[in-house]
Each structure stands twice: as C-alpha cells, then as structure tokens.
Amino acid sequence: MSIGGHFNLLRYRTFYGILLNKKYPLITLGNRHNECAWNFHPDGLNAQSIVYSGGVGKDISFEHALLKAYGCSVVLFDPSPTGMATMQLPENQIPQFKFMPVGLAGSCKVLHLAPPKWEEEGSWFKHDESGDTIKVPCEDLATVMKKNGHDHIDLLKIDIEGAEYELLDDLVKRRLPVKQVLVEFHHGILPGLKRSQSIRSILKMVGSGYKLLDQHGTNHVFLRPR
C-alpha cells in the first residue's frame, strides 16, 4: 500500500473511532455466506414493531430471521425484476410479508435502473438515462408510510443500490420518525459513487441525532435513542 493509501486508511479509522458508539449491544441475523447478514440493536423489537426493508434482491434471509426471532411483520420494497422474482417464490408468500413493487428514494419519481454488474448477485442499480436501463416507480419514505397507515418505523433496512443517499437526505430533512436505520452505502461498488458521499450522509445522520452503532465494510447501523 502506498503512503497515501496508509494515510487514508488511518484517516477513516480515526473518523469511525470518533463516531462509533459501542455501548449498545448488537446481534447479527441473515445469511452470512452470501453477505446478506445484518447487524442491528435488538432492544424493543417485538411482534408489534414496524419494519421496512428496501431492496429484496435474491435473498431475504434477514427478514425471515427477524420474523422468527421477534414475530416482526415486514414491508418489503423492490421494483427490479430480481426482487419481484424473489418475492414470487412460495417460501416468501406468507402473511407477515407485505411486498410493494416500488423503489425507495428521496422523492416520488421514475428511476432508471441498470442491469446487475454481477449476474449471480442480481442487483439492479440506480443509473442515469443513458445505456441499457429500465424505468421503475419510486416513492419517498413519508409517502409509503402514509399508504401503510404507519406513523413511525422501528427498523428500516435499505440496500437500494445507490438511492440510499437521497433517501437519507430526505429522512433527515423531514425528521421522519425512524428509530433504527441499517444501510449499505455503495461507494467503491457502483460507478460514480464516492466515499465522500457516504461520509457526508453519516455526518448528516449523526448531526440530526442518530448514533452510529456499527460499521462493517459498507454496512452501517444508526440508532436514534428515545
């Protein structure tokens, strides 16, 4: 590694060392083998909890594990061909899962998605209008909460392939009542996304009252204490 690389690594370790709050216990659920496991703070989760999951992809082992462990019903969102195919599988046709074939974003609009970079992984991702894309409907968090009759969210998981930045901006701007946010940032994974965008989102979340509980690779856990 170059001197510059060592300096950047030290800088980001210092950044997380300052922001990470280690006093909240975390547990992990989901399939670790295909990187679909998530860390989260479990206190207060029960059968009455409201859980939203943006981004289905090919694996919803985390959502199944939440249901098994806490009895949580889950509202799932994914407008991509991959996500819709996953939700049509027999094992996912259960009353505790409500599927909405729309994307989550920072506003209600049409979003362009590009085909998966890795076919075996299957995730369509946010892209500009050029090239081989499909158009899908997206809605902001406040809109889907209103449609579902929810006045708060206990746990929000978002793995939405580049649309996470605008969604978090909107969440912070409106001060939406979301207790815990699990998010994968896609800098260094998808084209055109920089680590600086993720750093800005992290600082906005912390500045609005969230505590950063965990960082594992590009996955982050935020909690707004009551």
C-alpha atoms as a PDB file:
ATOM      1  CA  MET A   1       0.000   0.000   0.000  1.00  0.00           C
ATOM      2  CA  SER A   2       1.263   3.493  -0.866  1.00  0.00           C
ATOM      3  CA  ILE A   3       1.922   6.218   1.698  1.00  0.00           C
ATOM      4  CA  GLY A   4      -1.274   7.926   0.532  1.00  0.00           C
ATOM      5  CA  GLY A   5      -3.205   4.698   0.988  1.00  0.00           C
ATOM      6  CA  HIS A   6      -1.904   4.262   4.529  1.00  0.00           C
ATOM      7  CA  PHE A   7      -2.824   7.867   5.324  1.00  0.00           C
ATOM      8  CA  ASN A   8      -6.383   7.421   4.032  1.00  0.00           C
ATOM      9  CA  LEU A   9      -6.790   4.191   5.999  1.00  0.00           C
ATOM     10  CA  LEU A  10      -5.622   5.926   9.177  1.00  0.00           C
ATOM     11  CA  ARG A  11      -7.925   8.869   8.493  1.00  0.00           C
ATOM     12  CA  TYR A  12     -11.018   6.684   8.126  1.00  0.00           C
ATOM     13  CA  ARG A  13     -10.125   4.595  11.166  1.00  0.00           C
ATOM     14  CA  THR A  14      -9.888   7.820  13.146  1.00  0.00           C
ATOM     15  CA  PHE A  15     -13.204   9.032  11.719  1.00  0.00           C
ATOM     16  CA  TYR A  16     -15.029   5.871  12.803  1.00  0.00           C
ATOM     17  CA  GLY A  17     -13.147   5.742  16.085  1.00  0.00           C
ATOM     18  CA  ILE A  18     -14.579   9.133  16.977  1.00  0.00           C
ATOM     19  CA  LEU A  19     -18.160   8.480  15.830  1.00  0.00           C
ATOM     20  CA  LEU A  20     -18.807   4.849  16.753  1.00  0.00           C
ATOM     21  CA  ASN A  21     -20.840   4.319  19.915  1.00  0.00           C
ATOM     22  CA  LYS A  22     -20.107   0.886  21.364  1.00  0.00           C
ATOM     23  CA  LYS A  23     -22.428   0.900  24.372  1.00  0.00           C
ATOM     24  CA  TYR A  24     -25.418  -0.579  22.529  1.00  0.00           C
ATOM     25  CA  PRO A  25     -25.390  -4.397  22.130  1.00  0.00           C
ATOM     26  CA  LEU A  26     -25.740  -5.737  18.613  1.00  0.00           C
ATOM     27  CA  ILE A  27     -26.756  -9.070  17.167  1.00  0.00           C
ATOM     28  CA  THR A  28     -26.496 -10.471  13.641  1.00  0.00           C
ATOM     29  CA  LEU A  29     -29.209 -12.166  11.580  1.00  0.00           C
ATOM     30  CA  GLY A  30     -29.325 -13.310   7.973  1.00  0.00           C
ATOM     31  CA  ASN A  31     -27.241 -15.401   5.619  1.00  0.00           C
ATOM     32  CA  ARG A  32     -23.542 -14.713   6.258  1.00  0.00           C
ATOM     33  CA  HIS A  33     -22.357 -16.883   3.366  1.00  0.00           C
ATOM     34  CA  ASN A  34     -23.702 -14.615   0.638  1.00  0.00           C
ATOM     35  CA  GLU A  35     -23.167 -11.360   2.576  1.00  0.00           C
ATOM     36  CA  CYS A  36     -26.856 -10.918   3.405  1.00  0.00           C
ATOM     37  CA  ALA A  37     -26.399 -10.764   7.181  1.00  0.00           C
ATOM     38  CA  TRP A  38     -27.063  -7.527   9.062  1.00  0.00           C
ATOM     39  CA  ASN A  39     -26.041  -6.255  12.483  1.00  0.00           C
ATOM     40  CA  PHE A  40     -28.654  -4.344  14.498  1.00  0.00           C
ATOM     41  CA  HIS A  41     -29.659  -3.314  18.015  1.00  0.00           C
ATOM     42  CA  PRO A  42     -32.473  -5.672  19.131  1.00  0.00           C
ATOM     43  CA  ASP A  43     -33.926  -3.851  22.147  1.00  0.00           C
ATOM     44  CA  GLY A  44     -37.637  -3.143  21.809  1.00  0.00           C
ATOM     45  CA  LEU A  45     -38.267  -5.304  18.749  1.00  0.00           C
ATOM     46  CA  ASN A  46     -41.386  -7.443  19.033  1.00  0.00           C
ATOM     47  CA  ALA A  47     -44.432  -8.588  17.088  1.00  0.00           C
ATOM     48  CA  GLN A  48     -45.842  -5.050  17.060  1.00  0.00           C
ATOM     49  CA  SER A  49     -42.693  -3.472  15.613  1.00  0.00           C
ATOM     50  CA  ILE A  50     -42.896  -1.795  12.216  1.00  0.00           C
ATOM     51  CA  VAL A  51     -40.100  -2.964   9.919  1.00  0.00           C
ATOM     52  CA  TYR A  52     -39.406  -1.694   6.388  1.00  0.00           C
ATOM     53  CA  SER A  53     -36.915  -3.375   4.071  1.00  0.00           C
ATOM     54  CA  GLY A  54     -35.798  -1.600   0.922  1.00  0.00           C
ATOM     55  CA  GLY A  55     -34.056  -3.884  -1.548  1.00  0.00           C
ATOM     56  CA  VAL A  56     -35.017  -7.539  -1.864  1.00  0.00           C
ATOM     57  CA  GLY A  57     -32.517  -8.860  -4.387  1.00  0.00           C
ATOM     58  CA  LYS A  58     -32.188 -12.644  -4.278  1.00  0.00           C
ATOM     59  CA  ASP A  59     -32.088 -13.088  -0.506  1.00  0.00           C
ATOM     60  CA  ILE A  60     -34.427 -12.116   2.326  1.00  0.00           C
ATOM     61  CA  SER A  61     -32.938 -14.392   4.965  1.00  0.00           C
ATOM     62  CA  PHE A  62     -32.599 -11.375   7.279  1.00  0.00           C
ATOM     63  CA  GLU A  63     -36.319 -10.647   7.081  1.00  0.00           C
ATOM     64  CA  HIS A  64     -37.209 -14.301   7.665  1.00  0.00           C
ATOM     65  CA  ALA A  65     -34.869 -14.356  10.683  1.00  0.00           C
ATOM     66  CA  LEU A  66     -36.478 -11.204  12.126  1.00  0.00           C
ATOM     67  CA  LEU A  67     -39.891 -12.816  11.820  1.00  0.00           C
ATOM     68  CA  LYS A  68     -38.694 -15.998  13.502  1.00  0.00           C
ATOM     69  CA  ALA A  69     -36.856 -14.225  16.332  1.00  0.00           C
ATOM     70  CA  TYR A  70     -39.265 -11.378  17.124  1.00  0.00           C
ATOM     71  CA  GLY A  71     -42.508 -12.029  15.260  1.00  0.00           C
ATOM     72  CA  CYS A  72     -41.964  -8.874  13.192  1.00  0.00           C
ATOM     73  CA  SER A  73     -44.068  -8.333  10.114  1.00  0.00           C
ATOM     74  CA  VAL A  74     -42.067  -6.697   7.313  1.00  0.00           C
ATOM     75  CA  VAL A  75     -42.957  -4.373   4.443  1.00  0.00           C
ATOM     76  CA  LEU A  76     -40.565  -5.071   1.560  1.00  0.00           C
ATOM     77  CA  PHE A  77     -39.803  -2.832  -1.429  1.00  0.00           C
ATOM     78  CA  ASP A  78     -38.127  -3.664  -4.735  1.00  0.00           C
ATOM     79  CA  PRO A  79     -39.229  -2.741  -8.267  1.00  0.00           C
ATOM     80  CA  SER A  80     -36.475  -4.712 -10.033  1.00  0.00           C
ATOM     81  CA  PRO A  81     -37.035  -7.941 -11.977  1.00  0.00           C
ATOM     82  CA  THR A  82     -34.775  -9.739  -9.485  1.00  0.00           C
ATOM     83  CA  GLY A  83     -36.692  -8.562  -6.435  1.00  0.00           C
ATOM     84  CA  MET A  84     -40.087  -9.314  -7.913  1.00  0.00           C
ATOM     85  CA  ALA A  85     -38.990 -12.835  -8.864  1.00  0.00           C
ATOM     86  CA  THR A  86     -37.729 -13.440  -5.328  1.00  0.00           C
ATOM     87  CA  MET A  87     -40.996 -12.313  -3.769  1.00  0.00           C
ATOM     88  CA  GLN A  88     -42.935 -14.712  -6.032  1.00  0.00           C
ATOM     89  CA  LEU A  89     -41.162 -17.727  -4.529  1.00  0.00           C
ATOM     90  CA  PRO A  90     -43.512 -19.960  -2.483  1.00  0.00           C
ATOM     91  CA  GLU A  91     -41.490 -19.592   0.727  1.00  0.00           C
ATOM     92  CA  ASN A  92     -41.968 -15.828   0.604  1.00  0.00           C
ATOM     93  CA  GLN A  93     -45.739 -15.975   0.170  1.00  0.00           C
ATOM     94  CA  ILE A  94     -46.547 -15.513   3.849  1.00  0.00           C
ATOM     95  CA  PRO A  95     -48.967 -13.087   5.545  1.00  0.00           C
ATOM     96  CA  GLN A  96     -46.224 -11.449   7.631  1.00  0.00           C
ATOM     97  CA  PHE A  97     -44.570 -10.121   4.455  1.00  0.00           C
ATOM     98  CA  LYS A  98     -46.169  -7.265   2.545  1.00  0.00           C
ATOM     99  CA  PHE A  99     -44.476  -6.607  -0.788  1.00  0.00           C
ATOM    100  CA  MET A 100     -44.644  -3.281  -2.615  1.00  0.00           C
ATOM    101  CA  PRO A 101     -43.090  -3.377  -6.126  1.00  0.00           C
ATOM    102  CA  VAL A 102     -41.752   0.166  -5.887  1.00  0.00           C
ATOM    103  CA  GLY A 103     -38.339   1.546  -5.047  1.00  0.00           C
ATOM    104  CA  LEU A 104     -37.493   3.705  -2.059  1.00  0.00           C
ATOM    105  CA  ALA A 105     -35.874   7.034  -2.867  1.00  0.00           C
ATOM    106  CA  GLY A 106     -35.811  10.655  -1.774  1.00  0.00           C
ATOM    107  CA  SER A 107     -38.933  11.604  -3.746  1.00  0.00           C
ATOM    108  CA  CYS A 108     -41.767  10.130  -5.780  1.00  0.00           C
ATOM    109  CA  LYS A 109     -40.455   9.740  -9.304  1.00  0.00           C
ATOM    110  CA  VAL A 110     -39.390   7.364 -12.044  1.00  0.00           C
ATOM    111  CA  LEU A 111     -35.922   5.946 -11.548  1.00  0.00           C
ATOM    112  CA  HIS A 112     -33.649   4.363 -14.151  1.00  0.00           C
ATOM    113  CA  LEU A 113     -32.077   1.046 -13.158  1.00  0.00           C
ATOM    114  CA  ALA A 114     -29.170  -0.618 -14.945  1.00  0.00           C
ATOM    115  CA  PRO A 115     -28.768  -4.404 -15.178  1.00  0.00           C
ATOM    116  CA  PRO A 116     -26.753  -6.174 -12.475  1.00  0.00           C
ATOM    117  CA  LYS A 117     -22.985  -5.800 -12.638  1.00  0.00           C
ATOM    118  CA  TRP A 118     -22.732  -9.337 -11.249  1.00  0.00           C
ATOM    119  CA  GLU A 119     -25.429 -11.613 -12.686  1.00  0.00           C
ATOM    120  CA  GLU A 120     -25.166 -14.166  -9.876  1.00  0.00           C
ATOM    121  CA  GLU A 121     -25.767 -11.405  -7.281  1.00  0.00           C
ATOM    122  CA  GLY A 122     -28.644  -9.924  -9.274  1.00  0.00           C
ATOM    123  CA  SER A 123     -28.910  -6.342  -8.014  1.00  0.00           C
ATOM    124  CA  TRP A 124     -30.172  -3.750 -10.477  1.00  0.00           C
ATOM    125  CA  PHE A 125     -28.777  -0.319  -9.594  1.00  0.00           C
ATOM    126  CA  LYS A 126     -29.543   3.374  -9.940  1.00  0.00           C
ATOM    127  CA  HIS A 127     -28.168   4.805 -13.175  1.00  0.00           C
ATOM    128  CA  ASP A 128     -28.599   7.762 -15.494  1.00  0.00           C
ATOM    129  CA  GLU A 129     -30.865   7.666 -18.521  1.00  0.00           C
ATOM    130  CA  SER A 130     -28.215   6.526 -20.977  1.00  0.00           C
ATOM    131  CA  GLY A 131     -27.466   2.942 -21.851  1.00  0.00           C
ATOM    132  CA  ASP A 132     -29.420  -0.217 -21.187  1.00  0.00           C
ATOM    133  CA  THR A 133     -31.809   0.716 -18.367  1.00  0.00           C
ATOM    134  CA  ILE A 134     -35.370   0.103 -17.259  1.00  0.00           C
ATOM    135  CA  LYS A 135     -37.749   2.644 -15.725  1.00  0.00           C
ATOM    136  CA  VAL A 136     -39.258   1.839 -12.318  1.00  0.00           C
ATOM    137  CA  PRO A 137     -41.557   3.736  -9.928  1.00  0.00           C
ATOM    138  CA  CYS A 138     -40.062   5.084  -6.705  1.00  0.00           C
ATOM    139  CA  GLU A 139     -41.637   6.689  -3.651  1.00  0.00           C
ATOM    140  CA  ASP A 140     -40.255   8.530  -0.663  1.00  0.00           C
ATOM    141  CA  LEU A 141     -40.496   7.153   2.839  1.00  0.00           C
ATOM    142  CA  ALA A 142     -43.196   9.550   4.025  1.00  0.00           C
ATOM    143  CA  THR A 143     -45.443   8.537   1.123  1.00  0.00           C
ATOM    144  CA  VAL A 144     -45.189   4.797   1.734  1.00  0.00           C
ATOM    145  CA  MET A 145     -45.660   5.287   5.490  1.00  0.00           C
ATOM    146  CA  LYS A 146     -48.890   7.159   4.782  1.00  0.00           C
ATOM    147  CA  LYS A 147     -50.066   4.458   2.374  1.00  0.00           C
ATOM    148  CA  ASN A 148     -49.446   1.785   5.014  1.00  0.00           C
ATOM    149  CA  GLY A 149     -51.016   3.790   7.844  1.00  0.00           C
ATOM    150  CA  HIS A 150     -47.775   3.986   9.853  1.00  0.00           C
ATOM    151  CA  ASP A 151     -46.769   6.981  11.946  1.00  0.00           C
ATOM    152  CA  HIS A 152     -43.281   5.629  12.715  1.00  0.00           C
ATOM    153  CA  ILE A 153     -40.790   2.914  11.747  1.00  0.00           C
ATOM    154  CA  ASP A 154     -38.923   0.857  14.314  1.00  0.00           C
ATOM    155  CA  LEU A 155     -36.342  -0.584  11.924  1.00  0.00           C
ATOM    156  CA  LEU A 156     -35.520   0.445   8.359  1.00  0.00           C
ATOM    157  CA  LYS A 157     -33.103  -1.620   6.283  1.00  0.00           C
ATOM    158  CA  ILE A 158     -32.005  -0.103   2.980  1.00  0.00           C
ATOM    159  CA  ASP A 159     -29.837  -1.821   0.400  1.00  0.00           C
ATOM    160  CA  ILE A 160     -31.084   0.181  -2.544  1.00  0.00           C
ATOM    161  CA  GLU A 161     -28.089   0.308  -4.871  1.00  0.00           C
ATOM    162  CA  GLY A 162     -27.184   3.989  -4.942  1.00  0.00           C
ATOM    163  CA  ALA A 163     -30.512   5.595  -3.975  1.00  0.00           C
ATOM    164  CA  GLU A 164     -29.621   5.496  -0.252  1.00  0.00           C
ATOM    165  CA  TYR A 165     -28.057   8.962  -0.258  1.00  0.00           C
ATOM    166  CA  GLU A 166     -31.165  10.831  -1.359  1.00  0.00           C
ATOM    167  CA  LEU A 167     -33.392   8.740   0.912  1.00  0.00           C
ATOM    168  CA  LEU A 168     -31.271   9.561   3.979  1.00  0.00           C
ATOM    169  CA  ASP A 169     -31.173  13.236   2.997  1.00  0.00           C
ATOM    170  CA  ASP A 170     -34.973  13.252   2.879  1.00  0.00           C
ATOM    171  CA  LEU A 171     -35.262  11.333   6.163  1.00  0.00           C
ATOM    172  CA  VAL A 172     -33.034  13.860   7.919  1.00  0.00           C
ATOM    173  CA  LYS A 173     -34.644  16.896   6.303  1.00  0.00           C
ATOM    174  CA  ARG A 174     -38.166  15.857   7.305  1.00  0.00           C
ATOM    175  CA  ARG A 175     -37.056  14.362  10.640  1.00  0.00           C
ATOM    176  CA  LEU A 176     -39.097  11.266   9.913  1.00  0.00           C
ATOM    177  CA  PRO A 177     -39.775   9.097  12.999  1.00  0.00           C
ATOM    178  CA  VAL A 178     -37.462   6.191  12.181  1.00  0.00           C
ATOM    179  CA  LYS A 179     -35.789   4.662  15.221  1.00  0.00           C
ATOM    180  CA  GLN A 180     -33.100   2.481  13.633  1.00  0.00           C
ATOM    181  CA  VAL A 181     -31.556   2.534  10.161  1.00  0.00           C
ATOM    182  CA  LEU A 182     -29.437  -0.219   8.617  1.00  0.00           C
ATOM    183  CA  VAL A 183     -27.865   0.946   5.370  1.00  0.00           C
ATOM    184  CA  GLU A 184     -25.353  -0.273   2.851  1.00  0.00           C
ATOM    185  CA  PHE A 185     -23.502   2.572   1.166  1.00  0.00           C
ATOM    186  CA  HIS A 186     -22.317   1.806  -2.358  1.00  0.00           C
ATOM    187  CA  HIS A 187     -19.212   3.943  -2.774  1.00  0.00           C
ATOM    188  CA  GLY A 188     -16.487   1.923  -4.460  1.00  0.00           C
ATOM    189  CA  ILE A 189     -19.088  -0.635  -5.530  1.00  0.00           C
ATOM    190  CA  LEU A 190     -21.219   1.194  -8.086  1.00  0.00           C
ATOM    191  CA  PRO A 191     -19.906   3.597 -10.734  1.00  0.00           C
ATOM    192  CA  GLY A 192     -19.825   7.301  -9.902  1.00  0.00           C
ATOM    193  CA  LEU A 193     -20.275   6.926  -6.137  1.00  0.00           C
ATOM    194  CA  LYS A 194     -17.526   8.260  -3.879  1.00  0.00           C
ATOM    195  CA  ARG A 195     -16.658   7.613  -0.259  1.00  0.00           C
ATOM    196  CA  SER A 196     -17.096  11.340   0.387  1.00  0.00           C
ATOM    197  CA  GLN A 197     -20.834  10.960  -0.330  1.00  0.00           C
ATOM    198  CA  SER A 198     -21.093   8.281   2.333  1.00  0.00           C
ATOM    199  CA  ILE A 199     -19.116  10.386   4.809  1.00  0.00           C
ATOM    200  CA  ARG A 200     -21.492  13.300   4.252  1.00  0.00           C
ATOM    201  CA  SER A 201     -24.523  11.048   4.818  1.00  0.00           C
ATOM    202  CA  ILE A 202     -23.017   9.661   8.012  1.00  0.00           C
ATOM    203  CA  LEU A 203     -22.323  13.151   9.348  1.00  0.00           C
ATOM    204  CA  LYS A 204     -25.855  14.298   8.464  1.00  0.00           C
ATOM    205  CA  MET A 205     -27.359  11.333  10.320  1.00  0.00           C
ATOM    206  CA  VAL A 206     -25.207  11.922  13.403  1.00  0.00           C
ATOM    207  CA  GLY A 207     -25.882  15.661  13.251  1.00  0.00           C
ATOM    208  CA  SER A 208     -29.640  15.001  13.278  1.00  0.00           C
ATOM    209  CA  GLY A 209     -29.476  12.957  16.489  1.00  0.00           C
ATOM    210  CA  TYR A 210     -28.644   9.429  15.357  1.00  0.00           C
ATOM    211  CA  LYS A 211     -25.825   7.460  16.947  1.00  0.00           C
ATOM    212  CA  LEU A 212     -23.571   5.372  14.721  1.00  0.00           C
ATOM    213  CA  LEU A 213     -23.540   1.942  16.395  1.00  0.00           C
ATOM    214  CA  ASP A 214     -21.651  -0.137  13.871  1.00  0.00           C
ATOM    215  CA  GLN A 215     -19.669  -0.099  10.651  1.00  0.00           C
ATOM    216  CA  HIS A 216     -18.814  -3.336   8.917  1.00  0.00           C
ATOM    217  CA  GLY A 217     -17.440  -2.757   5.440  1.00  0.00           C
ATOM    218  CA  THR A 218     -20.028  -0.532   3.763  1.00  0.00           C
ATOM    219  CA  ASN A 219     -22.858  -1.580   6.106  1.00  0.00           C
ATOM    220  CA  HIS A 220     -23.724   0.923   8.839  1.00  0.00           C
ATOM    221  CA  VAL A 221     -26.157   0.909  11.798  1.00  0.00           C
ATOM    222  CA  PHE A 222     -27.757   4.106  13.095  1.00  0.00           C
ATOM    223  CA  LEU A 223     -29.997   4.453  16.162  1.00  0.00           C
ATOM    224  CA  ARG A 224     -31.995   7.412  17.398  1.00  0.00           C
ATOM    225  CA  PRO A 225     -32.383   6.827  21.166  1.00  0.00           C
ATOM    226  CA  ARG A 226     -35.755   7.652  22.634  1.00  0.00           C
END
